[in-house]
Amino acid sequence: MDEILLNGGNASDCAVPVGSTDRKPWTATPPRVLTYMKAVNDASVDVPAVYGQDAQGAQ
């Protein structure tokens, strides 16, 4: 699968689509954001699925 770099938005660097997900570099912020998103989802608010960190270290 070819990678297409996605520039702009709130990505700390460029994001790359992989299958049905978009990946971007892991920074210090994602653990807190993912915890927050899980709490919001647990409160029955629909949020995008979070998958954590992949084998290459991307979010």
PDB file of N, CA and C in Angstrom:
ATOM      1  N   MET A   1       0.845  -1.177   0.000  1.00  0.00           N
ATOM      2  CA  MET A   1       0.000   0.000   0.000  1.00  0.00           C
ATOM      3  C   MET A   1       0.889   1.238   0.000  1.00  0.00           C
ATOM      4  N   ASP A   2       0.594   2.173  -0.884  1.00  0.00           N
ATOM      5  CA  ASP A   2       1.350   3.419  -0.936  1.00  0.00           C
ATOM      6  C   ASP A   2       0.944   4.332   0.215  1.00  0.00           C
ATOM      7  N   GLU A   3       1.921   5.031   0.776  1.00  0.00           N
ATOM      8  CA  GLU A   3       1.645   5.993   1.830  1.00  0.00           C
ATOM      9  C   GLU A   3       1.420   7.359   1.205  1.00  0.00           C
ATOM     10  N   ILE A   4       0.414   8.073   1.688  1.00  0.00           N
ATOM     11  CA  ILE A   4       0.112   9.423   1.243  1.00  0.00           C
ATOM     12  C   ILE A   4       0.245  10.320   2.461  1.00  0.00           C
ATOM     13  N   LEU A   5       1.195  11.251   2.438  1.00  0.00           N
ATOM     14  CA  LEU A   5       1.384  12.142   3.576  1.00  0.00           C
ATOM     15  C   LEU A   5       0.263  13.156   3.639  1.00  0.00           C
ATOM     16  N   LEU A   6      -0.303  13.362   4.832  1.00  0.00           N
ATOM     17  CA  LEU A   6      -1.365  14.325   5.060  1.00  0.00           C
ATOM     18  C   LEU A   6      -0.794  15.459   5.902  1.00  0.00           C
ATOM     19  N   ASN A   7      -0.629  16.628   5.310  1.00  0.00           N
ATOM     20  CA  ASN A   7      -0.056  17.765   6.021  1.00  0.00           C
ATOM     21  C   ASN A   7      -1.157  18.691   6.520  1.00  0.00           C
ATOM     22  N   GLY A   8      -0.844  19.453   7.579  1.00  0.00           N
ATOM     23  CA  GLY A   8      -1.785  20.435   8.097  1.00  0.00           C
ATOM     24  C   GLY A   8      -2.571  19.901   9.269  1.00  0.00           C
ATOM     25  N   GLY A   9      -3.614  20.619   9.634  1.00  0.00           N
ATOM     26  CA  GLY A   9      -4.433  20.221  10.766  1.00  0.00           C
ATOM     27  C   GLY A   9      -3.678  20.359  12.068  1.00  0.00           C
ATOM     28  N   ASN A  10      -4.014  19.519  13.049  1.00  0.00           N
ATOM     29  CA  ASN A  10      -3.371  19.617  14.349  1.00  0.00           C
ATOM     30  C   ASN A  10      -2.274  18.571  14.526  1.00  0.00           C
ATOM     31  N   ALA A  11      -1.841  17.950  13.446  1.00  0.00           N
ATOM     32  CA  ALA A  11      -0.795  16.930  13.532  1.00  0.00           C
ATOM     33  C   ALA A  11       0.534  17.573  13.899  1.00  0.00           C
ATOM     34  N   SER A  12       1.277  16.920  14.793  1.00  0.00           N
ATOM     35  CA  SER A  12       2.575  17.448  15.210  1.00  0.00           C
ATOM     36  C   SER A  12       3.592  17.346  14.084  1.00  0.00           C
ATOM     37  N   ASP A  13       3.356  16.502  13.159  1.00  0.00           N
ATOM     38  CA  ASP A  13       4.162  16.304  11.964  1.00  0.00           C
ATOM     39  C   ASP A  13       3.141  15.896  10.913  1.00  0.00           C
ATOM     40  N   CYS A  14       3.504  15.255   9.872  1.00  0.00           N
ATOM     41  CA  CYS A  14       2.494  14.845   8.912  1.00  0.00           C
ATOM     42  C   CYS A  14       1.898  13.501   9.325  1.00  0.00           C
ATOM     43  N   ALA A  15       0.649  13.316   8.992  1.00  0.00           N
ATOM     44  CA  ALA A  15      -0.055  12.068   9.257  1.00  0.00           C
ATOM     45  C   ALA A  15      -0.015  11.205   8.002  1.00  0.00           C
ATOM     46  N   VAL A  16      -0.146   9.896   8.187  1.00  0.00           N
ATOM     47  CA  VAL A  16      -0.107   8.958   7.073  1.00  0.00           C
ATOM     48  C   VAL A  16      -1.308   8.022   7.194  1.00  0.00           C
ATOM     49  N   PRO A  17      -2.152   7.926   6.148  1.00  0.00           N
ATOM     50  CA  PRO A  17      -3.247   6.963   6.204  1.00  0.00           C
ATOM     51  C   PRO A  17      -2.713   5.543   6.065  1.00  0.00           C
ATOM     52  N   VAL A  18      -3.182   4.645   6.922  1.00  0.00           N
ATOM     53  CA  VAL A  18      -2.818   3.233   6.863  1.00  0.00           C
ATOM     54  C   VAL A  18      -4.124   2.453   6.995  1.00  0.00           C
ATOM     55  N   GLY A  19      -4.541   1.824   5.914  1.00  0.00           N
ATOM     56  CA  GLY A  19      -5.829   1.130   5.928  1.00  0.00           C
ATOM     57  C   GLY A  19      -6.940   2.114   6.236  1.00  0.00           C
ATOM     58  N   SER A  20      -7.746   1.799   7.252  1.00  0.00           N
ATOM     59  CA  SER A  20      -8.862   2.677   7.619  1.00  0.00           C
ATOM     60  C   SER A  20      -8.496   3.624   8.765  1.00  0.00           C
ATOM     61  N   THR A  21      -7.203   3.748   9.061  1.00  0.00           N
ATOM     62  CA  THR A  21      -6.750   4.639  10.137  1.00  0.00           C
ATOM     63  C   THR A  21      -5.781   5.681   9.597  1.00  0.00           C
ATOM     64  N   ASP A  22      -5.564   6.712  10.384  1.00  0.00           N
ATOM     65  CA  ASP A  22      -4.533   7.711  10.089  1.00  0.00           C
ATOM     66  C   ASP A  22      -3.526   7.664  11.223  1.00  0.00           C
ATOM     67  N   ARG A  23      -2.242   7.665  10.897  1.00  0.00           N
ATOM     68  CA  ARG A  23      -1.183   7.587  11.902  1.00  0.00           C
ATOM     69  C   ARG A  23      -0.377   8.875  11.901  1.00  0.00           C
ATOM     70  N   LYS A  24       0.047   9.291  13.093  1.00  0.00           N
ATOM     71  CA  LYS A  24       0.928  10.454  13.203  1.00  0.00           C
ATOM     72  C   LYS A  24       1.922  10.175  14.320  1.00  0.00           C
ATOM     73  N   PRO A  25       3.017  10.934  14.362  1.00  0.00           N
ATOM     74  CA  PRO A  25       4.039  10.665  15.358  1.00  0.00           C
ATOM     75  C   PRO A  25       3.496  10.741  16.785  1.00  0.00           C
ATOM     76  N   TRP A  26       4.019   9.879  17.641  1.00  0.00           N
ATOM     77  CA  TRP A  26       3.665   9.860  19.059  1.00  0.00           C
ATOM     78  C   TRP A  26       4.462  10.946  19.766  1.00  0.00           C
ATOM     79  N   THR A  27       3.786  11.769  20.551  1.00  0.00           N
ATOM     80  CA  THR A  27       4.440  12.820  21.323  1.00  0.00           C
ATOM     81  C   THR A  27       4.083  12.623  22.797  1.00  0.00           C
ATOM     82  N   ALA A  28       4.360  13.593  23.637  1.00  0.00           N
ATOM     83  CA  ALA A  28       4.032  13.485  25.062  1.00  0.00           C
ATOM     84  C   ALA A  28       2.530  13.608  25.324  1.00  0.00           C
ATOM     85  N   THR A  29       1.768  14.195  24.416  1.00  0.00           N
ATOM     86  CA  THR A  29       0.350  14.469  24.636  1.00  0.00           C
ATOM     87  C   THR A  29      -0.586  13.273  24.466  1.00  0.00           C
ATOM     88  N   PRO A  30      -0.397  12.367  23.517  1.00  0.00           N
ATOM     89  CA  PRO A  30      -1.395  11.321  23.263  1.00  0.00           C
ATOM     90  C   PRO A  30      -1.848  10.510  24.475  1.00  0.00           C
ATOM     91  N   PRO A  31      -0.997  10.126  25.411  1.00  0.00           N
ATOM     92  CA  PRO A  31      -1.534   9.337  26.528  1.00  0.00           C
ATOM     93  C   PRO A  31      -2.656  10.057  27.283  1.00  0.00           C
ATOM     94  N   ARG A  32      -2.516  11.350  27.515  1.00  0.00           N
ATOM     95  CA  ARG A  32      -3.562  12.114  28.215  1.00  0.00           C
ATOM     96  C   ARG A  32      -4.808  12.255  27.344  1.00  0.00           C
ATOM     97  N   VAL A  33      -4.608  12.519  26.068  1.00  0.00           N
ATOM     98  CA  VAL A  33      -5.746  12.671  25.160  1.00  0.00           C
ATOM     99  C   VAL A  33      -6.504  11.354  25.032  1.00  0.00           C
ATOM    100  N   LEU A  34      -5.804  10.247  24.903  1.00  0.00           N
ATOM    101  CA  LEU A  34      -6.461   8.946  24.770  1.00  0.00           C
ATOM    102  C   LEU A  34      -7.219   8.579  26.044  1.00  0.00           C
ATOM    103  N   THR A  35      -6.660   8.912  27.204  1.00  0.00           N
ATOM    104  CA  THR A  35      -7.360   8.681  28.472  1.00  0.00           C
ATOM    105  C   THR A  35      -8.642   9.509  28.536  1.00  0.00           C
ATOM    106  N   TYR A  36      -8.562  10.760  28.107  1.00  0.00           N
ATOM    107  CA  TYR A  36      -9.729  11.638  28.077  1.00  0.00           C
ATOM    108  C   TYR A  36     -10.790  11.092  27.116  1.00  0.00           C
ATOM    109  N   MET A  37     -10.370  10.694  25.917  1.00  0.00           N
ATOM    110  CA  MET A  37     -11.323  10.179  24.933  1.00  0.00           C
ATOM    111  C   MET A  37     -12.008   8.916  25.435  1.00  0.00           C
ATOM    112  N   LYS A  38     -11.272   8.057  26.139  1.00  0.00           N
ATOM    113  CA  LYS A  38     -11.867   6.846  26.709  1.00  0.00           C
ATOM    114  C   LYS A  38     -12.910   7.223  27.760  1.00  0.00           C
ATOM    115  N   ALA A  39     -12.606   8.201  28.616  1.00  0.00           N
ATOM    116  CA  ALA A  39     -13.557   8.638  29.639  1.00  0.00           C
ATOM    117  C   ALA A  39     -14.819   9.207  28.997  1.00  0.00           C
ATOM    118  N   VAL A  40     -14.661   9.988  27.943  1.00  0.00           N
ATOM    119  CA  VAL A  40     -15.819  10.555  27.244  1.00  0.00           C
ATOM    120  C   VAL A  40     -16.642   9.432  26.631  1.00  0.00           C
ATOM    121  N   ASN A  41     -15.982   8.473  26.006  1.00  0.00           N
ATOM    122  CA  ASN A  41     -16.686   7.337  25.414  1.00  0.00           C
ATOM    123  C   ASN A  41     -17.402   6.512  26.478  1.00  0.00           C
ATOM    124  N   ASP A  42     -16.756   6.318  27.639  1.00  0.00           N
ATOM    125  CA  ASP A  42     -17.380   5.573  28.738  1.00  0.00           C
ATOM    126  C   ASP A  42     -18.624   6.277  29.272  1.00  0.00           C
ATOM    127  N   ALA A  43     -18.717   7.599  29.043  1.00  0.00           N
ATOM    128  CA  ALA A  43     -19.893   8.382  29.442  1.00  0.00           C
ATOM    129  C   ALA A  43     -20.949   8.381  28.337  1.00  0.00           C
ATOM    130  N   SER A  44     -20.825   7.450  27.397  1.00  0.00           N
ATOM    131  CA  SER A  44     -21.793   7.263  26.304  1.00  0.00           C
ATOM    132  C   SER A  44     -21.800   8.389  25.287  1.00  0.00           C
ATOM    133  N   VAL A  45     -20.683   9.059  25.130  1.00  0.00           N
ATOM    134  CA  VAL A  45     -20.544  10.064  24.076  1.00  0.00           C
ATOM    135  C   VAL A  45     -19.749   9.422  22.949  1.00  0.00           C
ATOM    136  N   ASP A  46     -20.259   9.506  21.736  1.00  0.00           N
ATOM    137  CA  ASP A  46     -19.610   8.883  20.584  1.00  0.00           C
ATOM    138  C   ASP A  46     -18.366   9.679  20.192  1.00  0.00           C
ATOM    139  N   VAL A  47     -17.214   9.051  20.281  1.00  0.00           N
ATOM    140  CA  VAL A  47     -15.945   9.661  19.864  1.00  0.00           C
ATOM    141  C   VAL A  47     -15.251   8.699  18.912  1.00  0.00           C
ATOM    142  N   PRO A  48     -14.298   9.190  18.110  1.00  0.00           N
ATOM    143  CA  PRO A  48     -13.561   8.289  17.231  1.00  0.00           C
ATOM    144  C   PRO A  48     -12.852   7.198  18.032  1.00  0.00           C
ATOM    145  N   ALA A  49     -12.728   6.034  17.444  1.00  0.00           N
ATOM    146  CA  ALA A  49     -12.023   4.930  18.093  1.00  0.00           C
ATOM    147  C   ALA A  49     -10.552   5.305  18.282  1.00  0.00           C
ATOM    148  N   VAL A  50      -9.995   4.903  19.399  1.00  0.00           N
ATOM    149  CA  VAL A  50      -8.584   5.126  19.662  1.00  0.00           C
ATOM    150  C   VAL A  50      -7.889   3.781  19.750  1.00  0.00           C
ATOM    151  N   TYR A  51      -6.731   3.705  19.154  1.00  0.00           N
ATOM    152  CA  TYR A  51      -6.006   2.442  19.104  1.00  0.00           C
ATOM    153  C   TYR A  51      -4.675   2.488  19.842  1.00  0.00           C
ATOM    154  N   GLY A  52      -4.306   3.646  20.365  1.00  0.00           N
ATOM    155  CA  GLY A  52      -3.042   3.744  21.088  1.00  0.00           C
ATOM    156  C   GLY A  52      -1.869   3.862  20.151  1.00  0.00           C
ATOM    157  N   GLN A  53      -0.790   3.162  20.495  1.00  0.00           N
ATOM    158  CA  GLN A  53       0.465   3.268  19.756  1.00  0.00           C
ATOM    159  C   GLN A  53       0.691   1.997  18.939  1.00  0.00           C
ATOM    160  N   ASP A  54       1.092   2.152  17.673  1.00  0.00           N
ATOM    161  CA  ASP A  54       1.341   0.975  16.845  1.00  0.00           C
ATOM    162  C   ASP A  54       2.766   0.465  17.018  1.00  0.00           C
ATOM    163  N   ALA A  55       3.094  -0.604  16.340  1.00  0.00           N
ATOM    164  CA  ALA A  55       4.417  -1.234  16.467  1.00  0.00           C
ATOM    165  C   ALA A  55       5.554  -0.325  16.011  1.00  0.00           C
ATOM    166  N   GLN A  56       5.251   0.672  15.175  1.00  0.00           N
ATOM    167  CA  GLN A  56       6.279   1.601  14.709  1.00  0.00           C
ATOM    168  C   GLN A  56       6.365   2.853  15.594  1.00  0.00           C
ATOM    169  N   GLY A  57       5.572   2.898  16.659  1.00  0.00           N
ATOM    170  CA  GLY A  57       5.611   4.026  17.572  1.00  0.00           C
ATOM    171  C   GLY A  57       4.726   5.193  17.191  1.00  0.00           C
ATOM    172  N   ALA A  58       3.829   5.001  16.234  1.00  0.00           N
ATOM    173  CA  ALA A  58       2.940   6.085  15.802  1.00  0.00           C
ATOM    174  C   ALA A  58       1.620   6.018  16.552  1.00  0.00           C
ATOM    175  N   GLN A  59       0.944   7.167  16.608  1.00  0.00           N
ATOM    176  CA  GLN A  59      -0.378   7.258  17.218  1.00  0.00           C
ATOM    177  C   GLN A  59      -1.396   6.863  16.188  1.00  0.00           C
TER     178      GLN A  59
END
